[in-house]
Amino acid sequence: MSKSKASNPASNPATNRTVYREFGQSTEAAFEKAVPDLPPEQQNLRIQASKKGRGGKTVTVITGFQHNEESLAALAKKLKAQCGTGGTVKEDTIEIQGDHKVKLLEVVTKLGYKAKISGG
Protein backbone atom coordinates (compact mmCIF):
# COMPACT_ATOMS: atom_id res chain seq x y z
CA MET A 1 0.00 0.00 0.00
CA SER A 2 1.30 3.39 -0.86
CA LYS A 3 0.77 6.49 1.20
CA SER A 4 -1.81 8.90 -0.06
CA LYS A 5 -1.40 12.65 -0.30
CA ALA A 6 -3.90 13.15 2.53
CA SER A 7 -1.48 11.71 5.09
CA ASN A 8 1.11 14.38 4.26
CA PRO A 9 -0.05 17.55 6.13
CA ALA A 10 2.12 19.85 4.02
CA SER A 11 0.33 18.88 0.83
CA ASN A 12 -3.19 18.86 2.29
CA PRO A 13 -4.74 22.34 1.86
CA ALA A 14 -7.37 21.63 4.52
CA THR A 15 -4.76 21.45 7.30
CA ASN A 16 -2.10 23.77 5.89
CA ARG A 17 -3.71 27.15 5.32
CA THR A 18 -0.53 29.20 4.89
CA VAL A 19 -0.81 31.12 1.66
CA TYR A 20 2.44 33.04 1.82
CA ARG A 21 5.24 33.14 4.37
CA GLU A 22 8.27 35.29 3.76
CA PHE A 23 10.43 34.66 6.82
CA GLY A 24 10.38 30.98 7.72
CA GLN A 25 8.36 29.51 10.57
CA SER A 26 6.29 31.93 12.62
CA THR A 27 6.25 31.84 16.39
CA GLU A 28 3.11 32.69 18.31
CA ALA A 29 5.15 34.58 20.92
CA ALA A 30 5.98 37.23 18.34
CA PHE A 31 2.28 38.06 17.94
CA GLU A 32 1.51 38.41 21.66
CA LYS A 33 0.92 41.89 23.01
CA ALA A 34 3.96 43.17 24.87
CA VAL A 35 2.83 44.64 28.19
CA PRO A 36 5.32 46.12 30.62
CA ASP A 37 4.86 44.84 34.15
CA LEU A 38 5.27 48.16 35.96
CA PRO A 39 5.44 48.43 39.75
CA PRO A 40 2.26 49.70 41.46
CA GLU A 41 3.73 53.14 42.25
CA GLN A 42 4.04 53.91 38.53
CA GLN A 43 0.45 53.05 37.60
CA ASN A 44 -2.54 55.40 37.59
CA LEU A 45 -5.85 53.60 38.02
CA ARG A 46 -9.43 54.77 37.50
CA ILE A 47 -12.27 53.20 39.47
CA GLN A 48 -15.85 53.64 38.30
CA ALA A 49 -19.24 51.96 38.63
CA SER A 50 -20.97 51.03 35.40
CA LYS A 51 -24.30 49.49 34.36
CA LYS A 52 -23.92 49.94 30.62
CA GLY A 53 -24.43 46.77 28.60
CA ARG A 54 -24.87 44.54 31.64
CA GLY A 55 -28.64 44.18 31.89
CA GLY A 56 -29.01 46.74 34.68
CA LYS A 57 -26.45 45.07 36.95
CA THR A 58 -23.82 47.31 38.51
CA VAL A 59 -20.14 46.41 38.25
CA THR A 60 -17.11 48.32 39.46
CA VAL A 61 -14.55 48.69 36.68
CA ILE A 62 -10.87 49.35 37.42
CA THR A 63 -8.86 50.51 34.40
CA GLY A 64 -5.30 51.62 33.75
CA PHE A 65 -3.37 48.48 34.66
CA GLN A 66 -0.04 47.77 33.02
CA HIS A 67 0.52 44.19 34.13
CA ASN A 68 0.84 40.89 32.32
CA GLU A 69 -2.13 38.53 32.40
CA GLU A 70 -0.91 36.36 35.28
CA SER A 71 -0.29 39.22 37.73
CA LEU A 72 -3.55 40.89 36.71
CA ALA A 73 -5.46 37.66 37.42
CA ALA A 74 -3.77 37.33 40.84
CA LEU A 75 -4.64 40.94 41.70
CA ALA A 76 -8.24 40.39 40.60
CA LYS A 77 -8.45 37.39 42.91
CA LYS A 78 -7.28 39.52 45.87
CA LEU A 79 -9.77 42.28 45.08
CA LYS A 80 -12.67 39.85 44.69
CA ALA A 81 -11.81 38.29 48.05
CA GLN A 82 -11.72 41.72 49.73
CA CYS A 83 -15.17 42.57 48.37
CA GLY A 84 -16.62 39.11 48.91
CA THR A 85 -18.00 38.96 45.39
CA GLY A 86 -17.24 37.73 41.90
CA GLY A 87 -15.62 39.44 39.00
CA THR A 88 -13.52 39.00 35.90
CA VAL A 89 -10.48 40.24 34.02
CA LYS A 90 -11.14 41.65 30.54
CA GLU A 91 -8.15 42.91 28.55
CA ASP A 92 -6.44 45.47 30.85
CA THR A 93 -9.41 46.00 33.20
CA ILE A 94 -10.78 44.27 36.25
CA GLU A 95 -14.55 44.10 36.74
CA ILE A 96 -15.91 43.43 40.24
CA GLN A 97 -19.61 42.68 40.66
CA GLY A 98 -21.51 45.33 42.61
CA ASP A 99 -20.76 48.93 43.58
CA HIS A 100 -17.52 48.77 45.60
CA LYS A 101 -15.79 51.98 44.51
CA VAL A 102 -14.80 53.24 47.96
CA LYS A 103 -13.69 49.87 49.28
CA LEU A 104 -11.62 49.11 46.17
CA LEU A 105 -10.02 52.56 46.32
CA GLU A 106 -8.82 51.81 49.86
CA VAL A 107 -7.54 48.36 48.94
CA VAL A 108 -5.58 49.39 45.84
CA THR A 109 -4.02 52.40 47.58
CA LYS A 110 -2.85 50.09 50.39
CA LEU A 111 -1.27 47.90 47.69
CA GLY A 112 0.69 50.95 46.48
CA TYR A 113 -1.28 52.01 43.40
CA LYS A 114 -2.24 55.59 42.60
CA ALA A 115 -6.00 55.50 42.09
CA LYS A 116 -8.97 57.85 41.69
CA ILE A 117 -12.71 57.37 41.62
CA SER A 118 -13.92 58.35 38.17
CA GLY A 119 -17.40 59.23 36.97
CA GLY A 120 -20.52 60.07 38.98
C-alpha atoms as a PDB file:
ATOM      1  CA  MET A   1       0.000   0.000   0.000  1.00  0.00           C
ATOM      2  CA  SER A   2       1.300   3.394  -0.861  1.00  0.00           C
ATOM      3  CA  LYS A   3       0.767   6.489   1.202  1.00  0.00           C
ATOM      4  CA  SER A   4      -1.814   8.905  -0.064  1.00  0.00           C
ATOM      5  CA  LYS A   5      -1.399  12.649  -0.301  1.00  0.00           C
ATOM      6  CA  ALA A   6      -3.896  13.152   2.532  1.00  0.00           C
ATOM      7  CA  SER A   7      -1.481  11.712   5.094  1.00  0.00           C
ATOM      8  CA  ASN A   8       1.107  14.383   4.262  1.00  0.00           C
ATOM      9  CA  PRO A   9      -0.046  17.549   6.126  1.00  0.00           C
ATOM     10  CA  ALA A  10       2.122  19.847   4.015  1.00  0.00           C
ATOM     11  CA  SER A  11       0.328  18.883   0.825  1.00  0.00           C
ATOM     12  CA  ASN A  12      -3.188  18.859   2.289  1.00  0.00           C
ATOM     13  CA  PRO A  13      -4.740  22.342   1.855  1.00  0.00           C
ATOM     14  CA  ALA A  14      -7.373  21.631   4.521  1.00  0.00           C
ATOM     15  CA  THR A  15      -4.765  21.454   7.304  1.00  0.00           C
ATOM     16  CA  ASN A  16      -2.097  23.769   5.894  1.00  0.00           C
ATOM     17  CA  ARG A  17      -3.708  27.155   5.320  1.00  0.00           C
ATOM     18  CA  THR A  18      -0.531  29.203   4.886  1.00  0.00           C
ATOM     19  CA  VAL A  19      -0.811  31.118   1.656  1.00  0.00           C
ATOM     20  CA  TYR A  20       2.444  33.042   1.820  1.00  0.00           C
ATOM     21  CA  ARG A  21       5.242  33.139   4.370  1.00  0.00           C
ATOM     22  CA  GLU A  22       8.269  35.292   3.763  1.00  0.00           C
ATOM     23  CA  PHE A  23      10.433  34.661   6.824  1.00  0.00           C
ATOM     24  CA  GLY A  24      10.381  30.982   7.716  1.00  0.00           C
ATOM     25  CA  GLN A  25       8.364  29.513  10.574  1.00  0.00           C
ATOM     26  CA  SER A  26       6.285  31.935  12.619  1.00  0.00           C
ATOM     27  CA  THR A  27       6.247  31.842  16.389  1.00  0.00           C
ATOM     28  CA  GLU A  28       3.107  32.691  18.307  1.00  0.00           C
ATOM     29  CA  ALA A  29       5.154  34.579  20.918  1.00  0.00           C
ATOM     30  CA  ALA A  30       5.976  37.226  18.336  1.00  0.00           C
ATOM     31  CA  PHE A  31       2.284  38.059  17.942  1.00  0.00           C
ATOM     32  CA  GLU A  32       1.509  38.413  21.656  1.00  0.00           C
ATOM     33  CA  LYS A  33       0.922  41.894  23.014  1.00  0.00           C
ATOM     34  CA  ALA A  34       3.963  43.174  24.874  1.00  0.00           C
ATOM     35  CA  VAL A  35       2.825  44.645  28.192  1.00  0.00           C
ATOM     36  CA  PRO A  36       5.322  46.123  30.621  1.00  0.00           C
ATOM     37  CA  ASP A  37       4.863  44.839  34.150  1.00  0.00           C
ATOM     38  CA  LEU A  38       5.269  48.157  35.957  1.00  0.00           C
ATOM     39  CA  PRO A  39       5.444  48.433  39.747  1.00  0.00           C
ATOM     40  CA  PRO A  40       2.260  49.698  41.459  1.00  0.00           C
ATOM     41  CA  GLU A  41       3.735  53.140  42.247  1.00  0.00           C
ATOM     42  CA  GLN A  42       4.042  53.910  38.529  1.00  0.00           C
ATOM     43  CA  GLN A  43       0.446  53.045  37.596  1.00  0.00           C
ATOM     44  CA  ASN A  44      -2.536  55.399  37.588  1.00  0.00           C
ATOM     45  CA  LEU A  45      -5.853  53.603  38.022  1.00  0.00           C
ATOM     46  CA  ARG A  46      -9.430  54.768  37.504  1.00  0.00           C
ATOM     47  CA  ILE A  47     -12.270  53.198  39.465  1.00  0.00           C
ATOM     48  CA  GLN A  48     -15.855  53.642  38.302  1.00  0.00           C
ATOM     49  CA  ALA A  49     -19.240  51.964  38.633  1.00  0.00           C
ATOM     50  CA  SER A  50     -20.973  51.030  35.402  1.00  0.00           C
ATOM     51  CA  LYS A  51     -24.301  49.490  34.358  1.00  0.00           C
ATOM     52  CA  LYS A  52     -23.920  49.938  30.620  1.00  0.00           C
ATOM     53  CA  GLY A  53     -24.431  46.768  28.605  1.00  0.00           C
ATOM     54  CA  ARG A  54     -24.875  44.539  31.638  1.00  0.00           C
ATOM     55  CA  GLY A  55     -28.638  44.184  31.892  1.00  0.00           C
ATOM     56  CA  GLY A  56     -29.008  46.738  34.676  1.00  0.00           C
ATOM     57  CA  LYS A  57     -26.454  45.068  36.954  1.00  0.00           C
ATOM     58  CA  THR A  58     -23.816  47.306  38.511  1.00  0.00           C
ATOM     59  CA  VAL A  59     -20.142  46.408  38.253  1.00  0.00           C
ATOM     60  CA  THR A  60     -17.111  48.321  39.461  1.00  0.00           C
ATOM     61  CA  VAL A  61     -14.548  48.685  36.680  1.00  0.00           C
ATOM     62  CA  ILE A  62     -10.869  49.355  37.421  1.00  0.00           C
ATOM     63  CA  THR A  63      -8.861  50.511  34.398  1.00  0.00           C
ATOM     64  CA  GLY A  64      -5.300  51.618  33.747  1.00  0.00           C
ATOM     65  CA  PHE A  65      -3.367  48.480  34.665  1.00  0.00           C
ATOM     66  CA  GLN A  66      -0.038  47.770  33.024  1.00  0.00           C
ATOM     67  CA  HIS A  67       0.523  44.186  34.126  1.00  0.00           C
ATOM     68  CA  ASN A  68       0.836  40.892  32.325  1.00  0.00           C
ATOM     69  CA  GLU A  69      -2.135  38.527  32.397  1.00  0.00           C
ATOM     70  CA  GLU A  70      -0.909  36.361  35.284  1.00  0.00           C
ATOM     71  CA  SER A  71      -0.294  39.218  37.727  1.00  0.00           C
ATOM     72  CA  LEU A  72      -3.552  40.887  36.709  1.00  0.00           C
ATOM     73  CA  ALA A  73      -5.456  37.662  37.419  1.00  0.00           C
ATOM     74  CA  ALA A  74      -3.772  37.330  40.837  1.00  0.00           C
ATOM     75  CA  LEU A  75      -4.643  40.937  41.696  1.00  0.00           C
ATOM     76  CA  ALA A  76      -8.244  40.392  40.599  1.00  0.00           C
ATOM     77  CA  LYS A  77      -8.452  37.391  42.909  1.00  0.00           C
ATOM     78  CA  LYS A  78      -7.278  39.524  45.865  1.00  0.00           C
ATOM     79  CA  LEU A  79      -9.774  42.279  45.076  1.00  0.00           C
ATOM     80  CA  LYS A  80     -12.668  39.846  44.688  1.00  0.00           C
ATOM     81  CA  ALA A  81     -11.813  38.286  48.047  1.00  0.00           C
ATOM     82  CA  GLN A  82     -11.718  41.715  49.727  1.00  0.00           C
ATOM     83  CA  CYS A  83     -15.167  42.571  48.369  1.00  0.00           C
ATOM     84  CA  GLY A  84     -16.622  39.109  48.913  1.00  0.00           C
ATOM     85  CA  THR A  85     -18.000  38.959  45.394  1.00  0.00           C
ATOM     86  CA  GLY A  86     -17.242  37.728  41.898  1.00  0.00           C
ATOM     87  CA  GLY A  87     -15.622  39.437  39.002  1.00  0.00           C
ATOM     88  CA  THR A  88     -13.523  39.001  35.896  1.00  0.00           C
ATOM     89  CA  VAL A  89     -10.483  40.245  34.020  1.00  0.00           C
ATOM     90  CA  LYS A  90     -11.142  41.653  30.542  1.00  0.00           C
ATOM     91  CA  GLU A  91      -8.148  42.907  28.552  1.00  0.00           C
ATOM     92  CA  ASP A  92      -6.443  45.465  30.853  1.00  0.00           C
ATOM     93  CA  THR A  93      -9.405  45.996  33.196  1.00  0.00           C
ATOM     94  CA  ILE A  94     -10.783  44.265  36.255  1.00  0.00           C
ATOM     95  CA  GLU A  95     -14.550  44.102  36.739  1.00  0.00           C
ATOM     96  CA  ILE A  96     -15.914  43.433  40.241  1.00  0.00           C
ATOM     97  CA  GLN A  97     -19.608  42.675  40.665  1.00  0.00           C
ATOM     98  CA  GLY A  98     -21.513  45.331  42.612  1.00  0.00           C
ATOM     99  CA  ASP A  99     -20.764  48.927  43.576  1.00  0.00           C
ATOM    100  CA  HIS A 100     -17.520  48.767  45.600  1.00  0.00           C
ATOM    101  CA  LYS A 101     -15.793  51.984  44.506  1.00  0.00           C
ATOM    102  CA  VAL A 102     -14.804  53.245  47.957  1.00  0.00           C
ATOM    103  CA  LYS A 103     -13.690  49.868  49.279  1.00  0.00           C
ATOM    104  CA  LEU A 104     -11.618  49.110  46.175  1.00  0.00           C
ATOM    105  CA  LEU A 105     -10.020  52.557  46.324  1.00  0.00           C
ATOM    106  CA  GLU A 106      -8.819  51.811  49.865  1.00  0.00           C
ATOM    107  CA  VAL A 107      -7.536  48.355  48.941  1.00  0.00           C
ATOM    108  CA  VAL A 108      -5.583  49.387  45.839  1.00  0.00           C
ATOM    109  CA  THR A 109      -4.017  52.399  47.578  1.00  0.00           C
ATOM    110  CA  LYS A 110      -2.846  50.088  50.387  1.00  0.00           C
ATOM    111  CA  LEU A 111      -1.271  47.896  47.693  1.00  0.00           C
ATOM    112  CA  GLY A 112       0.686  50.948  46.476  1.00  0.00           C
ATOM    113  CA  TYR A 113      -1.276  52.009  43.397  1.00  0.00           C
ATOM    114  CA  LYS A 114      -2.242  55.593  42.603  1.00  0.00           C
ATOM    115  CA  ALA A 115      -6.004  55.499  42.091  1.00  0.00           C
ATOM    116  CA  LYS A 116      -8.969  57.851  41.694  1.00  0.00           C
ATOM    117  CA  ILE A 117     -12.707  57.368  41.622  1.00  0.00           C
ATOM    118  CA  SER A 118     -13.921  58.352  38.173  1.00  0.00           C
ATOM    119  CA  GLY A 119     -17.404  59.232  36.970  1.00  0.00           C
ATOM    120  CA  GLY A 120     -20.516  60.070  38.978  1.00  0.00           C
END
